[in-house]
PDB file of N, CA and C in Angstrom:
ATOM      1  N   ALA A   1      15.949 -19.928   6.360  1.00  0.00           N
ATOM      2  CA  ALA A   1      15.270 -19.574   5.126  1.00  0.00           C
ATOM      3  C   ALA A   1      15.708 -20.475   3.975  1.00  0.00           C
ATOM      4  N   ASP A   2      16.932 -20.996   4.042  1.00  0.00           N
ATOM      5  CA  ASP A   2      17.394 -21.834   2.938  1.00  0.00           C
ATOM      6  C   ASP A   2      16.661 -23.179   2.889  1.00  0.00           C
ATOM      7  N   ARG A   3      15.910 -23.509   3.923  1.00  0.00           N
ATOM      8  CA  ARG A   3      15.143 -24.751   3.928  1.00  0.00           C
ATOM      9  C   ARG A   3      13.735 -24.581   3.371  1.00  0.00           C
ATOM     10  N   LEU A   4      13.331 -23.367   3.118  1.00  0.00           N
ATOM     11  CA  LEU A   4      11.984 -23.104   2.615  1.00  0.00           C
ATOM     12  C   LEU A   4      11.961 -23.140   1.097  1.00  0.00           C
ATOM     13  N   PRO A   5      10.919 -23.739   0.505  1.00  0.00           N
ATOM     14  CA  PRO A   5      10.809 -23.728  -0.963  1.00  0.00           C
ATOM     15  C   PRO A   5      10.751 -22.303  -1.485  1.00  0.00           C
ATOM     16  N   GLY A   6      11.570 -21.984  -2.443  1.00  0.00           N
ATOM     17  CA  GLY A   6      11.554 -20.657  -3.043  1.00  0.00           C
ATOM     18  C   GLY A   6      12.188 -19.580  -2.185  1.00  0.00           C
ATOM     19  N   ALA A   7      12.849 -19.951  -1.107  1.00  0.00           N
ATOM     20  CA  ALA A   7      13.439 -18.959  -0.218  1.00  0.00           C
ATOM     21  C   ALA A   7      14.417 -18.079  -0.981  1.00  0.00           C
ATOM     22  N   GLY A   8      14.347 -16.824  -0.726  1.00  0.00           N
ATOM     23  CA  GLY A   8      15.252 -15.879  -1.347  1.00  0.00           C
ATOM     24  C   GLY A   8      14.876 -15.492  -2.760  1.00  0.00           C
ATOM     25  N   THR A   9      13.754 -15.959  -3.254  1.00  0.00           N
ATOM     26  CA  THR A   9      13.382 -15.628  -4.625  1.00  0.00           C
ATOM     27  C   THR A   9      12.398 -14.471  -4.706  1.00  0.00           C
ATOM     28  N   MET A  10      11.868 -14.034  -3.564  1.00  0.00           N
ATOM     29  CA  MET A  10      10.922 -12.924  -3.593  1.00  0.00           C
ATOM     30  C   MET A  10      11.656 -11.596  -3.631  1.00  0.00           C
ATOM     31  N   SER A  11      11.003 -10.636  -4.211  1.00  0.00           N
ATOM     32  CA  SER A  11      11.533  -9.290  -4.285  1.00  0.00           C
ATOM     33  C   SER A  11      11.358  -8.590  -2.946  1.00  0.00           C
ATOM     34  N   GLY A  12      12.159  -7.573  -2.704  1.00  0.00           N
ATOM     35  CA  GLY A  12      11.983  -6.729  -1.536  1.00  0.00           C
ATOM     36  C   GLY A  12      10.894  -5.696  -1.748  1.00  0.00           C
ATOM     37  N   VAL A  13      10.301  -5.709  -2.918  1.00  0.00           N
ATOM     38  CA  VAL A  13       9.239  -4.766  -3.269  1.00  0.00           C
ATOM     39  C   VAL A  13       7.916  -5.515  -3.302  1.00  0.00           C
ATOM     40  N   GLY A  14       6.877  -4.882  -2.795  1.00  0.00           N
ATOM     41  CA  GLY A  14       5.540  -5.464  -2.854  1.00  0.00           C
ATOM     42  C   GLY A  14       4.589  -4.467  -3.473  1.00  0.00           C
ATOM     43  N   ALA A  15       3.364  -4.896  -3.688  1.00  0.00           N
ATOM     44  CA  ALA A  15       2.367  -4.015  -4.282  1.00  0.00           C
ATOM     45  C   ALA A  15       0.993  -4.345  -3.718  1.00  0.00           C
ATOM     46  N   VAL A  16       0.195  -3.308  -3.537  1.00  0.00           N
ATOM     47  CA  VAL A  16      -1.201  -3.482  -3.167  1.00  0.00           C
ATOM     48  C   VAL A  16      -2.005  -3.295  -4.445  1.00  0.00           C
ATOM     49  N   VAL A  17      -2.708  -4.348  -4.845  1.00  0.00           N
ATOM     50  CA  VAL A  17      -3.457  -4.349  -6.100  1.00  0.00           C
ATOM     51  C   VAL A  17      -4.888  -4.755  -5.775  1.00  0.00           C
ATOM     52  N   GLY A  18      -5.824  -3.858  -5.973  1.00  0.00           N
ATOM     53  CA  GLY A  18      -7.207  -4.136  -5.616  1.00  0.00           C
ATOM     54  C   GLY A  18      -7.827  -5.265  -6.420  1.00  0.00           C
ATOM     55  N   ALA A  19      -8.502  -6.167  -5.728  1.00  0.00           N
ATOM     56  CA  ALA A  19      -9.183  -7.281  -6.389  1.00  0.00           C
ATOM     57  C   ALA A  19     -10.355  -6.803  -7.229  1.00  0.00           C
ATOM     58  N   THR A  20     -10.789  -5.578  -6.996  1.00  0.00           N
ATOM     59  CA  THR A  20     -11.902  -5.040  -7.780  1.00  0.00           C
ATOM     60  C   THR A  20     -11.447  -4.561  -9.151  1.00  0.00           C
ATOM     61  N   GLU A  21     -10.136  -4.595  -9.409  1.00  0.00           N
ATOM     62  CA  GLU A  21      -9.567  -4.188 -10.702  1.00  0.00           C
ATOM     63  C   GLU A  21      -8.675  -5.295 -11.255  1.00  0.00           C
ATOM     64  N   PRO A  22      -9.187  -6.502 -11.453  1.00  0.00           N
ATOM     65  CA  PRO A  22      -8.330  -7.620 -11.865  1.00  0.00           C
ATOM     66  C   PRO A  22      -7.701  -7.452 -13.240  1.00  0.00           C
ATOM     67  N   ARG A  23      -8.206  -6.546 -14.042  1.00  0.00           N
ATOM     68  CA  ARG A  23      -7.651  -6.374 -15.394  1.00  0.00           C
ATOM     69  C   ARG A  23      -6.206  -5.864 -15.368  1.00  0.00           C
ATOM     70  N   PHE A  24      -5.760  -5.302 -14.251  1.00  0.00           N
ATOM     71  CA  PHE A  24      -4.396  -4.787 -14.147  1.00  0.00           C
ATOM     72  C   PHE A  24      -3.394  -5.843 -13.677  1.00  0.00           C
ATOM     73  N   LEU A  25      -3.872  -6.968 -13.206  1.00  0.00           N
ATOM     74  CA  LEU A  25      -2.987  -7.952 -12.588  1.00  0.00           C
ATOM     75  C   LEU A  25      -1.929  -8.511 -13.530  1.00  0.00           C
ATOM     76  N   ALA A  26      -2.292  -8.829 -14.747  1.00  0.00           N
ATOM     77  CA  ALA A  26      -1.323  -9.422 -15.680  1.00  0.00           C
ATOM     78  C   ALA A  26      -0.158  -8.472 -15.932  1.00  0.00           C
ATOM     79  N   ARG A  27      -0.447  -7.219 -16.180  1.00  0.00           N
ATOM     80  CA  ARG A  27       0.617  -6.250 -16.465  1.00  0.00           C
ATOM     81  C   ARG A  27       1.472  -5.998 -15.227  1.00  0.00           C
ATOM     82  N   LEU A  28       0.841  -5.868 -14.071  1.00  0.00           N
ATOM     83  CA  LEU A  28       1.607  -5.633 -12.852  1.00  0.00           C
ATOM     84  C   LEU A  28       2.484  -6.834 -12.511  1.00  0.00           C
ATOM     85  N   ARG A  29       1.989  -8.036 -12.723  1.00  0.00           N
ATOM     86  CA  ARG A  29       2.802  -9.223 -12.455  1.00  0.00           C
ATOM     87  C   ARG A  29       3.961  -9.290 -13.446  1.00  0.00           C
ATOM     88  N   GLU A  30       3.728  -8.869 -14.677  1.00  0.00           N
ATOM     89  CA  GLU A  30       4.797  -8.820 -15.677  1.00  0.00           C
ATOM     90  C   GLU A  30       5.891  -7.848 -15.233  1.00  0.00           C
ATOM     91  N   LEU A  31       5.502  -6.711 -14.691  1.00  0.00           N
ATOM     92  CA  LEU A  31       6.458  -5.702 -14.237  1.00  0.00           C
ATOM     93  C   LEU A  31       7.155  -6.097 -12.935  1.00  0.00           C
ATOM     94  N   MET A  32       6.464  -6.875 -12.110  1.00  0.00           N
ATOM     95  CA  MET A  32       6.991  -7.252 -10.792  1.00  0.00           C
ATOM     96  C   MET A  32       6.829  -8.758 -10.584  1.00  0.00           C
ATOM     97  N   PRO A  33       7.581  -9.570 -11.308  1.00  0.00           N
ATOM     98  CA  PRO A  33       7.366 -11.020 -11.253  1.00  0.00           C
ATOM     99  C   PRO A  33       7.665 -11.658  -9.903  1.00  0.00           C
ATOM    100  N   ARG A  34       8.504 -11.034  -9.094  1.00  0.00           N
ATOM    101  CA  ARG A  34       8.881 -11.626  -7.807  1.00  0.00           C
ATOM    102  C   ARG A  34       8.312 -10.874  -6.615  1.00  0.00           C
ATOM    103  N   ALA A  35       7.498  -9.875  -6.865  1.00  0.00           N
ATOM    104  CA  ALA A  35       6.940  -9.069  -5.776  1.00  0.00           C
ATOM    105  C   ALA A  35       5.798  -9.796  -5.075  1.00  0.00           C
ATOM    106  N   ILE A  36       5.649  -9.504  -3.803  1.00  0.00           N
ATOM    107  CA  ILE A  36       4.496  -9.989  -3.054  1.00  0.00           C
ATOM    108  C   ILE A  36       3.338  -9.049  -3.354  1.00  0.00           C
ATOM    109  N   PHE A  37       2.200  -9.599  -3.707  1.00  0.00           N
ATOM    110  CA  PHE A  37       1.007  -8.791  -3.954  1.00  0.00           C
ATOM    111  C   PHE A  37       0.042  -8.951  -2.780  1.00  0.00           C
ATOM    112  N   LEU A  38      -0.408  -7.834  -2.245  1.00  0.00           N
ATOM    113  CA  LEU A  38      -1.514  -7.803  -1.297  1.00  0.00           C
ATOM    114  C   LEU A  38      -2.728  -7.427  -2.130  1.00  0.00           C
ATOM    115  N   VAL A  39      -3.722  -8.303  -2.173  1.00  0.00           N
ATOM    116  CA  VAL A  39      -4.864  -8.113  -3.067  1.00  0.00           C
ATOM    117  C   VAL A  39      -6.155  -8.022  -2.243  1.00  0.00           C
ATOM    118  N   PRO A  40      -6.415  -6.826  -1.663  1.00  0.00           N
ATOM    119  CA  PRO A  40      -7.650  -6.661  -0.889  1.00  0.00           C
ATOM    120  C   PRO A  40      -8.850  -6.435  -1.806  1.00  0.00           C
ATOM    121  N   GLY A  41     -10.017  -6.587  -1.240  1.00  0.00           N
ATOM    122  CA  GLY A  41     -11.230  -6.269  -1.982  1.00  0.00           C
ATOM    123  C   GLY A  41     -12.067  -7.465  -2.370  1.00  0.00           C
ATOM    124  N   VAL A  42     -11.619  -8.678  -2.016  1.00  0.00           N
ATOM    125  CA  VAL A  42     -12.411  -9.875  -2.322  1.00  0.00           C
ATOM    126  C   VAL A  42     -13.572  -9.946  -1.334  1.00  0.00           C
ATOM    127  N   GLY A  43     -14.726 -10.266  -1.842  1.00  0.00           N
ATOM    128  CA  GLY A  43     -15.885 -10.456  -0.966  1.00  0.00           C
ATOM    129  C   GLY A  43     -16.704  -9.200  -0.796  1.00  0.00           C
ATOM    130  N   ALA A  44     -16.660  -8.611   0.386  1.00  0.00           N
ATOM    131  CA  ALA A  44     -17.519  -7.480   0.737  1.00  0.00           C
ATOM    132  C   ALA A  44     -17.352  -6.289  -0.201  1.00  0.00           C
ATOM    133  N   GLN A  45     -16.161  -6.091  -0.745  1.00  0.00           N
ATOM    134  CA  GLN A  45     -15.926  -4.949  -1.634  1.00  0.00           C
ATOM    135  C   GLN A  45     -16.235  -5.268  -3.092  1.00  0.00           C
ATOM    136  N   GLY A  46     -16.591  -6.499  -3.382  1.00  0.00           N
ATOM    137  CA  GLY A  46     -17.012  -6.843  -4.736  1.00  0.00           C
ATOM    138  C   GLY A  46     -16.004  -7.580  -5.591  1.00  0.00           C
ATOM    139  N   GLY A  47     -14.787  -7.776  -5.097  1.00  0.00           N
ATOM    140  CA  GLY A  47     -13.790  -8.518  -5.867  1.00  0.00           C
ATOM    141  C   GLY A  47     -14.097 -10.007  -5.873  1.00  0.00           C
ATOM    142  N   ASP A  48     -13.724 -10.676  -6.940  1.00  0.00           N
ATOM    143  CA  ASP A  48     -13.998 -12.102  -7.119  1.00  0.00           C
ATOM    144  C   ASP A  48     -12.677 -12.866  -7.130  1.00  0.00           C
ATOM    145  N   ALA A  49     -12.482 -13.749  -6.173  1.00  0.00           N
ATOM    146  CA  ALA A  49     -11.232 -14.512  -6.081  1.00  0.00           C
ATOM    147  C   ALA A  49     -10.945 -15.287  -7.359  1.00  0.00           C
ATOM    148  N   GLU A  50     -11.974 -15.712  -8.058  1.00  0.00           N
ATOM    149  CA  GLU A  50     -11.780 -16.501  -9.275  1.00  0.00           C
ATOM    150  C   GLU A  50     -11.166 -15.691 -10.416  1.00  0.00           C
ATOM    151  N   LEU A  51     -11.141 -14.360 -10.284  1.00  0.00           N
ATOM    152  CA  LEU A  51     -10.571 -13.508 -11.331  1.00  0.00           C
ATOM    153  C   LEU A  51      -9.137 -13.086 -11.030  1.00  0.00           C
ATOM    154  N   LEU A  52      -8.535 -13.662 -10.014  1.00  0.00           N
ATOM    155  CA  LEU A  52      -7.202 -13.232  -9.578  1.00  0.00           C
ATOM    156  C   LEU A  52      -6.074 -14.106 -10.106  1.00  0.00           C
ATOM    157  N   GLY A  53      -6.339 -14.972 -11.041  1.00  0.00           N
ATOM    158  CA  GLY A  53      -5.329 -15.899 -11.542  1.00  0.00           C
ATOM    159  C   GLY A  53      -4.040 -15.244 -11.994  1.00  0.00           C
ATOM    160  N   GLU A  54      -4.118 -14.086 -12.624  1.00  0.00           N
ATOM    161  CA  GLU A  54      -2.908 -13.405 -13.117  1.00  0.00           C
ATOM    162  C   GLU A  54      -1.978 -12.997 -11.982  1.00  0.00           C
ATOM    163  N   ALA A  55      -2.524 -12.764 -10.794  1.00  0.00           N
ATOM    164  CA  ALA A  55      -1.681 -12.395  -9.656  1.00  0.00           C
ATOM    165  C   ALA A  55      -0.751 -13.537  -9.274  1.00  0.00           C
ATOM    166  N   PHE A  56      -1.181 -14.780  -9.550  1.00  0.00           N
ATOM    167  CA  PHE A  56      -0.420 -15.956  -9.163  1.00  0.00           C
ATOM    168  C   PHE A  56       0.530 -16.449 -10.243  1.00  0.00           C
ATOM    169  N   ALA A  57       0.652 -15.737 -11.340  1.00  0.00           N
ATOM    170  CA  ALA A  57       1.507 -16.170 -12.449  1.00  0.00           C
ATOM    171  C   ALA A  57       2.916 -16.479 -11.946  1.00  0.00           C
ATOM    172  N   GLY A  58       3.436 -17.605 -12.358  1.00  0.00           N
ATOM    173  CA  GLY A  58       4.793 -17.977 -11.968  1.00  0.00           C
ATOM    174  C   GLY A  58       4.925 -18.362 -10.509  1.00  0.00           C
ATOM    175  N   ALA A  59       3.853 -18.812  -9.886  1.00  0.00           N
ATOM    176  CA  ALA A  59       3.861 -19.227  -8.475  1.00  0.00           C
ATOM    177  C   ALA A  59       4.278 -18.092  -7.552  1.00  0.00           C
ATOM    178  N   ALA A  60       3.871 -16.890  -7.888  1.00  0.00           N
ATOM    179  CA  ALA A  60       4.215 -15.712  -7.097  1.00  0.00           C
ATOM    180  C   ALA A  60       3.489 -15.718  -5.755  1.00  0.00           C
ATOM    181  N   SER A  61       3.981 -14.894  -4.837  1.00  0.00           N
ATOM    182  CA  SER A  61       3.379 -14.788  -3.513  1.00  0.00           C
ATOM    183  C   SER A  61       2.250 -13.774  -3.517  1.00  0.00           C
ATOM    184  N   VAL A  62       1.097 -14.197  -3.005  1.00  0.00           N
ATOM    185  CA  VAL A  62      -0.094 -13.353  -2.995  1.00  0.00           C
ATOM    186  C   VAL A  62      -0.795 -13.502  -1.651  1.00  0.00           C
ATOM    187  N   LEU A  63      -1.195 -12.377  -1.070  1.00  0.00           N
ATOM    188  CA  LEU A  63      -2.006 -12.372   0.140  1.00  0.00           C
ATOM    189  C   LEU A  63      -3.379 -11.840  -0.237  1.00  0.00           C
ATOM    190  N   VAL A  64      -4.427 -12.584   0.094  1.00  0.00           N
ATOM    191  CA  VAL A  64      -5.794 -12.192  -0.250  1.00  0.00           C
ATOM    192  C   VAL A  64      -6.582 -12.032   1.049  1.00  0.00           C
ATOM    193  N   PRO A  65      -6.603 -10.809   1.627  1.00  0.00           N
ATOM    194  CA  PRO A  65      -7.377 -10.609   2.849  1.00  0.00           C
ATOM    195  C   PRO A  65      -8.863 -10.449   2.531  1.00  0.00           C
ATOM    196  N   ALA A  66      -9.695 -10.968   3.391  1.00  0.00           N
ATOM    197  CA  ALA A  66     -11.147 -10.845   3.194  1.00  0.00           C
ATOM    198  C   ALA A  66     -11.844 -10.855   4.551  1.00  0.00           C
ATOM    199  N   SER A  67     -11.297 -10.117   5.494  1.00  0.00           N
ATOM    200  CA  SER A  67     -11.792 -10.184   6.865  1.00  0.00           C
ATOM    201  C   SER A  67     -13.247  -9.757   7.010  1.00  0.00           C
ATOM    202  N   ARG A  68     -13.651  -8.704   6.307  1.00  0.00           N
ATOM    203  CA  ARG A  68     -15.025  -8.233   6.452  1.00  0.00           C
ATOM    204  C   ARG A  68     -16.027  -9.257   5.940  1.00  0.00           C
ATOM    205  N   SER A  69     -15.744  -9.862   4.805  1.00  0.00           N
ATOM    206  CA  SER A  69     -16.688 -10.839   4.259  1.00  0.00           C
ATOM    207  C   SER A  69     -16.726 -12.123   5.088  1.00  0.00           C
ATOM    208  N   ILE A  70     -15.659 -12.421   5.803  1.00  0.00           N
ATOM    209  CA  ILE A  70     -15.645 -13.606   6.667  1.00  0.00           C
ATOM    210  C   ILE A  70     -16.291 -13.287   8.013  1.00  0.00           C
ATOM    211  N   ALA A  71     -15.833 -12.215   8.663  1.00  0.00           N
ATOM    212  CA  ALA A  71     -16.354 -11.860   9.986  1.00  0.00           C
ATOM    213  C   ALA A  71     -17.832 -11.485   9.943  1.00  0.00           C
ATOM    214  N   GLY A  72     -18.280 -10.894   8.845  1.00  0.00           N
ATOM    215  CA  GLY A  72     -19.666 -10.467   8.730  1.00  0.00           C
ATOM    216  C   GLY A  72     -20.607 -11.544   8.234  1.00  0.00           C
ATOM    217  N   SER A  73     -20.084 -12.719   7.974  1.00  0.00           N
ATOM    218  CA  SER A  73     -20.897 -13.816   7.448  1.00  0.00           C
ATOM    219  C   SER A  73     -21.683 -14.496   8.571  1.00  0.00           C
ATOM    220  N   ALA A  74     -22.840 -15.037   8.237  1.00  0.00           N
ATOM    221  CA  ALA A  74     -23.606 -15.831   9.201  1.00  0.00           C
ATOM    222  C   ALA A  74     -22.844 -17.106   9.564  1.00  0.00           C
ATOM    223  N   ASP A  75     -21.962 -17.548   8.669  1.00  0.00           N
ATOM    224  CA  ASP A  75     -21.146 -18.742   8.882  1.00  0.00           C
ATOM    225  C   ASP A  75     -19.689 -18.399   8.561  1.00  0.00           C
ATOM    226  N   PRO A  76     -18.977 -17.746   9.512  1.00  0.00           N
ATOM    227  CA  PRO A  76     -17.598 -17.326   9.235  1.00  0.00           C
ATOM    228  C   PRO A  76     -16.672 -18.473   8.826  1.00  0.00           C
ATOM    229  N   GLY A  77     -16.814 -19.619   9.454  1.00  0.00           N
ATOM    230  CA  GLY A  77     -15.971 -20.761   9.093  1.00  0.00           C
ATOM    231  C   GLY A  77     -16.211 -21.208   7.664  1.00  0.00           C
ATOM    232  N   GLY A  78     -17.472 -21.243   7.280  1.00  0.00           N
ATOM    233  CA  GLY A  78     -17.816 -21.620   5.909  1.00  0.00           C
ATOM    234  C   GLY A  78     -17.331 -20.597   4.903  1.00  0.00           C
ATOM    235  N   ALA A  79     -17.451 -19.304   5.261  1.00  0.00           N
ATOM    236  CA  ALA A  79     -16.990 -18.237   4.366  1.00  0.00           C
ATOM    237  C   ALA A  79     -15.479 -18.309   4.179  1.00  0.00           C
ATOM    238  N   ALA A  80     -14.753 -18.569   5.266  1.00  0.00           N
ATOM    239  CA  ALA A  80     -13.294 -18.693   5.179  1.00  0.00           C
ATOM    240  C   ALA A  80     -12.910 -19.895   4.316  1.00  0.00           C
ATOM    241  N   GLU A  81     -13.598 -20.998   4.500  1.00  0.00           N
ATOM    242  CA  GLU A  81     -13.313 -22.197   3.707  1.00  0.00           C
ATOM    243  C   GLU A  81     -13.625 -21.967   2.232  1.00  0.00           C
ATOM    244  N   ASP A  82     -14.718 -21.279   1.940  1.00  0.00           N
ATOM    245  CA  ASP A  82     -15.066 -20.977   0.548  1.00  0.00           C
ATOM    246  C   ASP A  82     -13.986 -20.130  -0.115  1.00  0.00           C
ATOM    247  N   LEU A  83     -13.481 -19.117   0.611  1.00  0.00           N
ATOM    248  CA  LEU A  83     -12.425 -18.268   0.064  1.00  0.00           C
ATOM    249  C   LEU A  83     -11.148 -19.077  -0.134  1.00  0.00           C
ATOM    250  N   ARG A  84     -10.797 -19.879   0.859  1.00  0.00           N
ATOM    251  CA  ARG A  84      -9.589 -20.700   0.737  1.00  0.00           C
ATOM    252  C   ARG A  84      -9.678 -21.603  -0.491  1.00  0.00           C
ATOM    253  N   ALA A  85     -10.816 -22.231  -0.678  1.00  0.00           N
ATOM    254  CA  ALA A  85     -10.994 -23.125  -1.823  1.00  0.00           C
ATOM    255  C   ALA A  85     -10.909 -22.361  -3.139  1.00  0.00           C
ATOM    256  N   ALA A  86     -11.494 -21.175  -3.193  1.00  0.00           N
ATOM    257  CA  ALA A  86     -11.461 -20.375  -4.424  1.00  0.00           C
ATOM    258  C   ALA A  86     -10.037 -19.945  -4.766  1.00  0.00           C
ATOM    259  N   VAL A  87      -9.281 -19.531  -3.755  1.00  0.00           N
ATOM    260  CA  VAL A  87      -7.903 -19.084  -3.993  1.00  0.00           C
ATOM    261  C   VAL A  87      -7.024 -20.269  -4.386  1.00  0.00           C
ATOM    262  N   TRP A  88      -7.144 -21.391  -3.695  1.00  0.00           N
ATOM    263  CA  TRP A  88      -6.333 -22.559  -4.029  1.00  0.00           C
ATOM    264  C   TRP A  88      -6.679 -23.117  -5.403  1.00  0.00           C
ATOM    265  N   ALA A  89      -7.906 -22.914  -5.844  1.00  0.00           N
ATOM    266  CA  ALA A  89      -8.309 -23.408  -7.164  1.00  0.00           C
ATOM    267  C   ALA A  89      -7.594 -22.678  -8.295  1.00  0.00           C
ATOM    268  N   ILE A  90      -7.197 -21.428  -8.067  1.00  0.00           N
ATOM    269  CA  ILE A  90      -6.530 -20.663  -9.124  1.00  0.00           C
ATOM    270  C   ILE A  90      -5.025 -20.584  -8.939  1.00  0.00           C
ATOM    271  N   ALA A  91      -4.540 -20.902  -7.736  1.00  0.00           N
ATOM    272  CA  ALA A  91      -3.102 -20.825  -7.467  1.00  0.00           C
ATOM    273  C   ALA A  91      -2.390 -22.010  -8.115  1.00  0.00           C
ATOM    274  N   PRO A  92      -1.204 -21.766  -8.671  1.00  0.00           N
ATOM    275  CA  PRO A  92      -0.447 -22.879  -9.255  1.00  0.00           C
ATOM    276  C   PRO A  92      -0.011 -23.856  -8.169  1.00  0.00           C
ATOM    277  N   SER A  93       0.103 -25.109  -8.526  1.00  0.00           N
ATOM    278  CA  SER A  93       0.502 -26.111  -7.528  1.00  0.00           C
ATOM    279  C   SER A  93       1.991 -26.254  -7.452  1.00  0.00           C
TER     280      SER A  93
END
């Protein structure tokens, strides 16, 4: 783990924060700056990956599952690539 960038900097606490309620992300990230966020709801449930920027504040760890919108797509590979591009566009480098 000591060879990984940022190893040991994450909290042992995580949070599930719905992508359909992005207005809460800034405050939750402020309260839990090192927590891993699981942010379901992008795609089929109506959440927009482009509105999740606050979840990534400070290069925090974020998981954005979107299995239904990818698996249910006529072009699953394209849907997965679109989501990946949207998330990487808002994530800090």
